[in-house]
Amino acid sequence: MFDLVSELSQKSQALRPAQRAYLAELLLDSIHISADQTIEDAWAEELKRRVDKVDRGVAKLVSAEDAFAEVRRAIL
């Protein structure tokens, strides 16, 4: 694996700066996509859990007005 990374690094040095920047952007985007998907999956599971609690009638529901009032009290 290290050999491949080393080879790619050496070959990338032959690219023009704009091409290297574009390659770097593509590589970074590929990392963010995986992380973003993990986050999206976690939020989807959380949403399912919360909807299930509402459907079963065990969630404590608060009006938006009360929620905003509580936030205002907390920050003042």
PDB file of N, CA and C in Angstrom:
ATOM      1  N   MET A   1       0.833  -1.197   0.000  1.00  0.00           N
ATOM      2  CA  MET A   1       0.000   0.000   0.000  1.00  0.00           C
ATOM      3  C   MET A   1       0.871   1.252   0.000  1.00  0.00           C
ATOM      4  N   PHE A   2       1.908   1.239   0.859  1.00  0.00           N
ATOM      5  CA  PHE A   2       2.794   2.399   0.909  1.00  0.00           C
ATOM      6  C   PHE A   2       3.479   2.619  -0.424  1.00  0.00           C
ATOM      7  N   ASP A   3       3.828   1.511  -1.108  1.00  0.00           N
ATOM      8  CA  ASP A   3       4.484   1.622  -2.419  1.00  0.00           C
ATOM      9  C   ASP A   3       3.571   2.335  -3.413  1.00  0.00           C
ATOM     10  N   LEU A   4       2.296   2.006  -3.392  1.00  0.00           N
ATOM     11  CA  LEU A   4       1.344   2.644  -4.301  1.00  0.00           C
ATOM     12  C   LEU A   4       1.217   4.130  -3.984  1.00  0.00           C
ATOM     13  N   VAL A   5       1.118   4.459  -2.715  1.00  0.00           N
ATOM     14  CA  VAL A   5       1.015   5.858  -2.310  1.00  0.00           C
ATOM     15  C   VAL A   5       2.270   6.616  -2.713  1.00  0.00           C
ATOM     16  N   SER A   6       3.409   6.017  -2.497  1.00  0.00           N
ATOM     17  CA  SER A   6       4.678   6.646  -2.867  1.00  0.00           C
ATOM     18  C   SER A   6       4.755   6.862  -4.380  1.00  0.00           C
ATOM     19  N   GLU A   7       4.343   5.843  -5.143  1.00  0.00           N
ATOM     20  CA  GLU A   7       4.367   5.959  -6.597  1.00  0.00           C
ATOM     21  C   GLU A   7       3.415   7.061  -7.079  1.00  0.00           C
ATOM     22  N   LEU A   8       2.227   7.088  -6.527  1.00  0.00           N
ATOM     23  CA  LEU A   8       1.259   8.122  -6.924  1.00  0.00           C
ATOM     24  C   LEU A   8       1.756   9.515  -6.558  1.00  0.00           C
ATOM     25  N   SER A   9       2.369   9.624  -5.402  1.00  0.00           N
ATOM     26  CA  SER A   9       2.912  10.905  -4.980  1.00  0.00           C
ATOM     27  C   SER A   9       3.987  11.381  -5.948  1.00  0.00           C
ATOM     28  N   GLN A  10       4.877  10.485  -6.324  1.00  0.00           N
ATOM     29  CA  GLN A  10       5.943  10.846  -7.265  1.00  0.00           C
ATOM     30  C   GLN A  10       5.365  11.237  -8.622  1.00  0.00           C
ATOM     31  N   LYS A  11       4.411  10.478  -9.096  1.00  0.00           N
ATOM     32  CA  LYS A  11       3.815  10.770 -10.403  1.00  0.00           C
ATOM     33  C   LYS A  11       3.048  12.086 -10.376  1.00  0.00           C
ATOM     34  N   SER A  12       2.438  12.382  -9.251  1.00  0.00           N
ATOM     35  CA  SER A  12       1.655  13.621  -9.169  1.00  0.00           C
ATOM     36  C   SER A  12       2.547  14.858  -9.261  1.00  0.00           C
ATOM     37  N   GLN A  13       3.808  14.723  -8.926  1.00  0.00           N
ATOM     38  CA  GLN A  13       4.730  15.852  -9.010  1.00  0.00           C
ATOM     39  C   GLN A  13       4.947  16.306 -10.451  1.00  0.00           C
ATOM     40  N   ALA A  14       4.668  15.424 -11.414  1.00  0.00           N
ATOM     41  CA  ALA A  14       4.816  15.775 -12.824  1.00  0.00           C
ATOM     42  C   ALA A  14       3.640  16.614 -13.331  1.00  0.00           C
ATOM     43  N   LEU A  15       2.589  16.684 -12.555  1.00  0.00           N
ATOM     44  CA  LEU A  15       1.414  17.459 -12.954  1.00  0.00           C
ATOM     45  C   LEU A  15       1.647  18.944 -12.738  1.00  0.00           C
ATOM     46  N   ARG A  16       0.937  19.756 -13.516  1.00  0.00           N
ATOM     47  CA  ARG A  16       0.974  21.201 -13.293  1.00  0.00           C
ATOM     48  C   ARG A  16       0.292  21.503 -11.961  1.00  0.00           C
ATOM     49  N   PRO A  17       0.628  22.630 -11.335  1.00  0.00           N
ATOM     50  CA  PRO A  17       0.028  22.959 -10.036  1.00  0.00           C
ATOM     51  C   PRO A  17      -1.510  22.906 -10.031  1.00  0.00           C
ATOM     52  N   ALA A  18      -2.138  23.406 -11.071  1.00  0.00           N
ATOM     53  CA  ALA A  18      -3.603  23.381 -11.119  1.00  0.00           C
ATOM     54  C   ALA A  18      -4.122  21.947 -11.163  1.00  0.00           C
ATOM     55  N   GLN A  19      -3.418  21.076 -11.861  1.00  0.00           N
ATOM     56  CA  GLN A  19      -3.822  19.676 -11.927  1.00  0.00           C
ATOM     57  C   GLN A  19      -3.636  18.989 -10.574  1.00  0.00           C
ATOM     58  N   ARG A  20      -2.541  19.316  -9.893  1.00  0.00           N
ATOM     59  CA  ARG A  20      -2.315  18.748  -8.556  1.00  0.00           C
ATOM     60  C   ARG A  20      -3.381  19.226  -7.588  1.00  0.00           C
ATOM     61  N   ALA A  21      -3.750  20.495  -7.698  1.00  0.00           N
ATOM     62  CA  ALA A  21      -4.791  21.033  -6.825  1.00  0.00           C
ATOM     63  C   ALA A  21      -6.114  20.322  -7.084  1.00  0.00           C
ATOM     64  N   TYR A  22      -6.421  20.089  -8.347  1.00  0.00           N
ATOM     65  CA  TYR A  22      -7.659  19.391  -8.705  1.00  0.00           C
ATOM     66  C   TYR A  22      -7.631  17.957  -8.165  1.00  0.00           C
ATOM     67  N   LEU A  23      -6.501  17.280  -8.304  1.00  0.00           N
ATOM     68  CA  LEU A  23      -6.363  15.928  -7.778  1.00  0.00           C
ATOM     69  C   LEU A  23      -6.548  15.926  -6.263  1.00  0.00           C
ATOM     70  N   ALA A  24      -5.935  16.876  -5.597  1.00  0.00           N
ATOM     71  CA  ALA A  24      -6.069  16.967  -4.143  1.00  0.00           C
ATOM     72  C   ALA A  24      -7.535  17.183  -3.750  1.00  0.00           C
ATOM     73  N   GLU A  25      -8.216  18.020  -4.508  1.00  0.00           N
ATOM     74  CA  GLU A  25      -9.627  18.278  -4.241  1.00  0.00           C
ATOM     75  C   GLU A  25     -10.450  17.002  -4.409  1.00  0.00           C
ATOM     76  N   LEU A  26     -10.174  16.249  -5.465  1.00  0.00           N
ATOM     77  CA  LEU A  26     -10.890  14.989  -5.686  1.00  0.00           C
ATOM     78  C   LEU A  26     -10.654  14.007  -4.543  1.00  0.00           C
ATOM     79  N   LEU A  27      -9.407  13.921  -4.101  1.00  0.00           N
ATOM     80  CA  LEU A  27      -9.084  13.011  -3.002  1.00  0.00           C
ATOM     81  C   LEU A  27      -9.778  13.430  -1.705  1.00  0.00           C
ATOM     82  N   LEU A  28      -9.746  14.719  -1.421  1.00  0.00           N
ATOM     83  CA  LEU A  28     -10.417  15.206  -0.210  1.00  0.00           C
ATOM     84  C   LEU A  28     -11.919  14.998  -0.284  1.00  0.00           C
ATOM     85  N   ASP A  29     -12.503  15.251  -1.451  1.00  0.00           N
ATOM     86  CA  ASP A  29     -13.941  15.033  -1.613  1.00  0.00           C
ATOM     87  C   ASP A  29     -14.302  13.574  -1.374  1.00  0.00           C
ATOM     88  N   SER A  30     -13.440  12.660  -1.803  1.00  0.00           N
ATOM     89  CA  SER A  30     -13.736  11.234  -1.617  1.00  0.00           C
ATOM     90  C   SER A  30     -13.756  10.872  -0.132  1.00  0.00           C
ATOM     91  N   ILE A  31     -12.972  11.560   0.669  1.00  0.00           N
ATOM     92  CA  ILE A  31     -12.970  11.324   2.114  1.00  0.00           C
ATOM     93  C   ILE A  31     -14.237  11.908   2.725  1.00  0.00           C
ATOM     94  N   HIS A  32     -14.585  13.121   2.326  1.00  0.00           N
ATOM     95  CA  HIS A  32     -15.755  13.787   2.884  1.00  0.00           C
ATOM     96  C   HIS A  32     -17.050  13.073   2.538  1.00  0.00           C
ATOM     97  N   ILE A  33     -17.115  12.495   1.359  1.00  0.00           N
ATOM     98  CA  ILE A  33     -18.322  11.771   0.972  1.00  0.00           C
ATOM     99  C   ILE A  33     -18.560  10.623   1.945  1.00  0.00           C
ATOM    100  N   SER A  34     -17.513   9.880   2.277  1.00  0.00           N
ATOM    101  CA  SER A  34     -17.663   8.769   3.216  1.00  0.00           C
ATOM    102  C   SER A  34     -18.083   9.264   4.583  1.00  0.00           C
ATOM    103  N   ALA A  35     -17.447  10.313   5.062  1.00  0.00           N
ATOM    104  CA  ALA A  35     -17.794  10.853   6.369  1.00  0.00           C
ATOM    105  C   ALA A  35     -19.199  11.420   6.350  1.00  0.00           C
ATOM    106  N   ASP A  36     -19.544  12.141   5.286  1.00  0.00           N
ATOM    107  CA  ASP A  36     -20.881  12.711   5.182  1.00  0.00           C
ATOM    108  C   ASP A  36     -21.940  11.624   5.178  1.00  0.00           C
ATOM    109  N   GLN A  37     -21.677  10.516   4.482  1.00  0.00           N
ATOM    110  CA  GLN A  37     -22.652   9.431   4.421  1.00  0.00           C
ATOM    111  C   GLN A  37     -22.828   8.807   5.795  1.00  0.00           C
ATOM    112  N   THR A  38     -21.741   8.664   6.538  1.00  0.00           N
ATOM    113  CA  THR A  38     -21.823   8.114   7.891  1.00  0.00           C
ATOM    114  C   THR A  38     -22.690   9.006   8.770  1.00  0.00           C
ATOM    115  N   ILE A  39     -22.498  10.302   8.655  1.00  0.00           N
ATOM    116  CA  ILE A  39     -23.292  11.253   9.430  1.00  0.00           C
ATOM    117  C   ILE A  39     -24.751  11.188   9.009  1.00  0.00           C
ATOM    118  N   GLU A  40     -25.000  11.164   7.702  1.00  0.00           N
ATOM    119  CA  GLU A  40     -26.373  11.074   7.200  1.00  0.00           C
ATOM    120  C   GLU A  40     -27.052   9.805   7.697  1.00  0.00           C
ATOM    121  N   ASP A  41     -26.333   8.694   7.683  1.00  0.00           N
ATOM    122  CA  ASP A  41     -26.901   7.428   8.160  1.00  0.00           C
ATOM    123  C   ASP A  41     -27.249   7.511   9.642  1.00  0.00           C
ATOM    124  N   ALA A  42     -26.367   8.133  10.419  1.00  0.00           N
ATOM    125  CA  ALA A  42     -26.623   8.273  11.855  1.00  0.00           C
ATOM    126  C   ALA A  42     -27.854   9.141  12.104  1.00  0.00           C
ATOM    127  N   TRP A  43     -27.985  10.239  11.357  1.00  0.00           N
ATOM    128  CA  TRP A  43     -29.159  11.100  11.524  1.00  0.00           C
ATOM    129  C   TRP A  43     -30.433  10.392  11.086  1.00  0.00           C
ATOM    130  N   ALA A  44     -30.361   9.580  10.044  1.00  0.00           N
ATOM    131  CA  ALA A  44     -31.538   8.830   9.592  1.00  0.00           C
ATOM    132  C   ALA A  44     -32.002   7.868  10.688  1.00  0.00           C
ATOM    133  N   GLU A  45     -31.051   7.208  11.332  1.00  0.00           N
ATOM    134  CA  GLU A  45     -31.403   6.309  12.434  1.00  0.00           C
ATOM    135  C   GLU A  45     -32.004   7.075  13.607  1.00  0.00           C
ATOM    136  N   GLU A  46     -31.420   8.228  13.918  1.00  0.00           N
ATOM    137  CA  GLU A  46     -31.952   9.062  15.011  1.00  0.00           C
ATOM    138  C   GLU A  46     -33.367   9.520  14.689  1.00  0.00           C
ATOM    139  N   LEU A  47     -33.591   9.916  13.458  1.00  0.00           N
ATOM    140  CA  LEU A  47     -34.926  10.357  13.050  1.00  0.00           C
ATOM    141  C   LEU A  47     -35.935   9.222  13.202  1.00  0.00           C
ATOM    142  N   LYS A  48     -35.559   8.020  12.764  1.00  0.00           N
ATOM    143  CA  LYS A  48     -36.452   6.864  12.910  1.00  0.00           C
ATOM    144  C   LYS A  48     -36.775   6.617  14.384  1.00  0.00           C
ATOM    145  N   ARG A  49     -35.742   6.710  15.239  1.00  0.00           N
ATOM    146  CA  ARG A  49     -35.934   6.484  16.669  1.00  0.00           C
ATOM    147  C   ARG A  49     -36.905   7.515  17.249  1.00  0.00           C
ATOM    148  N   ARG A  50     -36.742   8.781  16.869  1.00  0.00           N
ATOM    149  CA  ARG A  50     -37.603   9.839  17.398  1.00  0.00           C
ATOM    150  C   ARG A  50     -39.038   9.707  16.890  1.00  0.00           C
ATOM    151  N   VAL A  51     -39.195   9.398  15.610  1.00  0.00           N
ATOM    152  CA  VAL A  51     -40.537   9.227  15.054  1.00  0.00           C
ATOM    153  C   VAL A  51     -41.236   8.058  15.741  1.00  0.00           C
ATOM    154  N   ASP A  52     -40.495   6.982  15.966  1.00  0.00           N
ATOM    155  CA  ASP A  52     -41.063   5.828  16.653  1.00  0.00           C
ATOM    156  C   ASP A  52     -41.562   6.201  18.048  1.00  0.00           C
ATOM    157  N   LYS A  53     -40.783   7.014  18.773  1.00  0.00           N
ATOM    158  CA  LYS A  53     -41.206   7.440  20.112  1.00  0.00           C
ATOM    159  C   LYS A  53     -42.473   8.290  20.049  1.00  0.00           C
ATOM    160  N   VAL A  54     -42.571   9.148  19.041  1.00  0.00           N
ATOM    161  CA  VAL A  54     -43.781   9.961  18.878  1.00  0.00           C
ATOM    162  C   VAL A  54     -44.962   9.059  18.546  1.00  0.00           C
ATOM    163  N   ASP A  55     -44.757   8.135  17.618  1.00  0.00           N
ATOM    164  CA  ASP A  55     -45.831   7.217  17.216  1.00  0.00           C
ATOM    165  C   ASP A  55     -46.332   6.371  18.382  1.00  0.00           C
ATOM    166  N   ARG A  56     -45.419   5.981  19.276  1.00  0.00           N
ATOM    167  CA  ARG A  56     -45.808   5.165  20.434  1.00  0.00           C
ATOM    168  C   ARG A  56     -46.361   6.008  21.574  1.00  0.00           C
ATOM    169  N   GLY A  57     -46.279   7.331  21.438  1.00  0.00           N
ATOM    170  CA  GLY A  57     -46.808   8.222  22.461  1.00  0.00           C
ATOM    171  C   GLY A  57     -45.934   8.368  23.692  1.00  0.00           C
ATOM    172  N   VAL A  58     -44.644   8.041  23.562  1.00  0.00           N
ATOM    173  CA  VAL A  58     -43.752   8.130  24.722  1.00  0.00           C
ATOM    174  C   VAL A  58     -42.823   9.346  24.663  1.00  0.00           C
ATOM    175  N   ALA A  59     -42.873  10.088  23.568  1.00  0.00           N
ATOM    176  CA  ALA A  59     -42.027  11.275  23.435  1.00  0.00           C
ATOM    177  C   ALA A  59     -42.678  12.449  24.148  1.00  0.00           C
ATOM    178  N   LYS A  60     -41.851  13.268  24.777  1.00  0.00           N
ATOM    179  CA  LYS A  60     -42.356  14.491  25.400  1.00  0.00           C
ATOM    180  C   LYS A  60     -42.326  15.579  24.328  1.00  0.00           C
ATOM    181  N   LEU A  61     -43.490  16.009  23.888  1.00  0.00           N
ATOM    182  CA  LEU A  61     -43.579  17.023  22.839  1.00  0.00           C
ATOM    183  C   LEU A  61     -43.679  18.407  23.467  1.00  0.00           C
ATOM    184  N   VAL A  62     -42.970  19.359  22.882  1.00  0.00           N
ATOM    185  CA  VAL A  62     -42.929  20.728  23.377  1.00  0.00           C
ATOM    186  C   VAL A  62     -43.248  21.648  22.206  1.00  0.00           C
ATOM    187  N   SER A  63     -44.057  22.651  22.445  1.00  0.00           N
ATOM    188  CA  SER A  63     -44.371  23.586  21.371  1.00  0.00           C
ATOM    189  C   SER A  63     -43.128  24.386  21.010  1.00  0.00           C
ATOM    190  N   ALA A  64     -43.093  24.875  19.775  1.00  0.00           N
ATOM    191  CA  ALA A  64     -41.962  25.698  19.337  1.00  0.00           C
ATOM    192  C   ALA A  64     -41.840  26.935  20.207  1.00  0.00           C
ATOM    193  N   GLU A  65     -42.972  27.515  20.562  1.00  0.00           N
ATOM    194  CA  GLU A  65     -42.961  28.718  21.409  1.00  0.00           C
ATOM    195  C   GLU A  65     -42.281  28.428  22.742  1.00  0.00           C
ATOM    196  N   ASP A  66     -42.629  27.313  23.374  1.00  0.00           N
ATOM    197  CA  ASP A  66     -42.004  26.945  24.651  1.00  0.00           C
ATOM    198  C   ASP A  66     -40.517  26.625  24.478  1.00  0.00           C
ATOM    199  N   ALA A  67     -40.175  25.962  23.387  1.00  0.00           N
ATOM    200  CA  ALA A  67     -38.776  25.619  23.141  1.00  0.00           C
ATOM    201  C   ALA A  67     -37.934  26.879  22.972  1.00  0.00           C
ATOM    202  N   PHE A  68     -38.433  27.839  22.176  1.00  0.00           N
ATOM    203  CA  PHE A  68     -37.695  29.087  21.981  1.00  0.00           C
ATOM    204  C   PHE A  68     -37.587  29.883  23.271  1.00  0.00           C
ATOM    205  N   ALA A  69     -38.646  29.868  24.065  1.00  0.00           N
ATOM    206  CA  ALA A  69     -38.610  30.570  25.349  1.00  0.00           C
ATOM    207  C   ALA A  69     -37.549  29.955  26.258  1.00  0.00           C
ATOM    208  N   GLU A  70     -37.455  28.642  26.254  1.00  0.00           N
ATOM    209  CA  GLU A  70     -36.450  27.958  27.071  1.00  0.00           C
ATOM    210  C   GLU A  70     -35.034  28.312  26.613  1.00  0.00           C
ATOM    211  N   VAL A  71     -34.829  28.383  25.311  1.00  0.00           N
ATOM    212  CA  VAL A  71     -33.526  28.765  24.769  1.00  0.00           C
ATOM    213  C   VAL A  71     -33.181  30.185  25.174  1.00  0.00           C
ATOM    214  N   ARG A  72     -34.163  31.092  25.065  1.00  0.00           N
ATOM    215  CA  ARG A  72     -33.919  32.484  25.453  1.00  0.00           C
ATOM    216  C   ARG A  72     -33.524  32.569  26.933  1.00  0.00           C
ATOM    217  N   ARG A  73     -34.214  31.826  27.775  1.00  0.00           N
ATOM    218  CA  ARG A  73     -33.875  31.833  29.215  1.00  0.00           C
ATOM    219  C   ARG A  73     -32.468  31.305  29.451  1.00  0.00           C
ATOM    220  N   ALA A  74     -32.071  30.307  28.687  1.00  0.00           N
ATOM    221  CA  ALA A  74     -30.767  29.683  28.879  1.00  0.00           C
ATOM    222  C   ALA A  74     -29.624  30.610  28.457  1.00  0.00           C
ATOM    223  N   ILE A  75     -29.846  31.453  27.449  1.00  0.00           N
ATOM    224  CA  ILE A  75     -28.735  32.280  26.969  1.00  0.00           C
ATOM    225  C   ILE A  75     -28.707  33.655  27.630  1.00  0.00           C
ATOM    226  N   LEU A  76     -29.728  34.011  28.339  1.00  0.00           N
ATOM    227  CA  LEU A  76     -29.729  35.329  28.988  1.00  0.00           C
ATOM    228  C   LEU A  76     -29.233  35.277  30.395  1.00  0.00           C
TER     229      LEU A  76
END
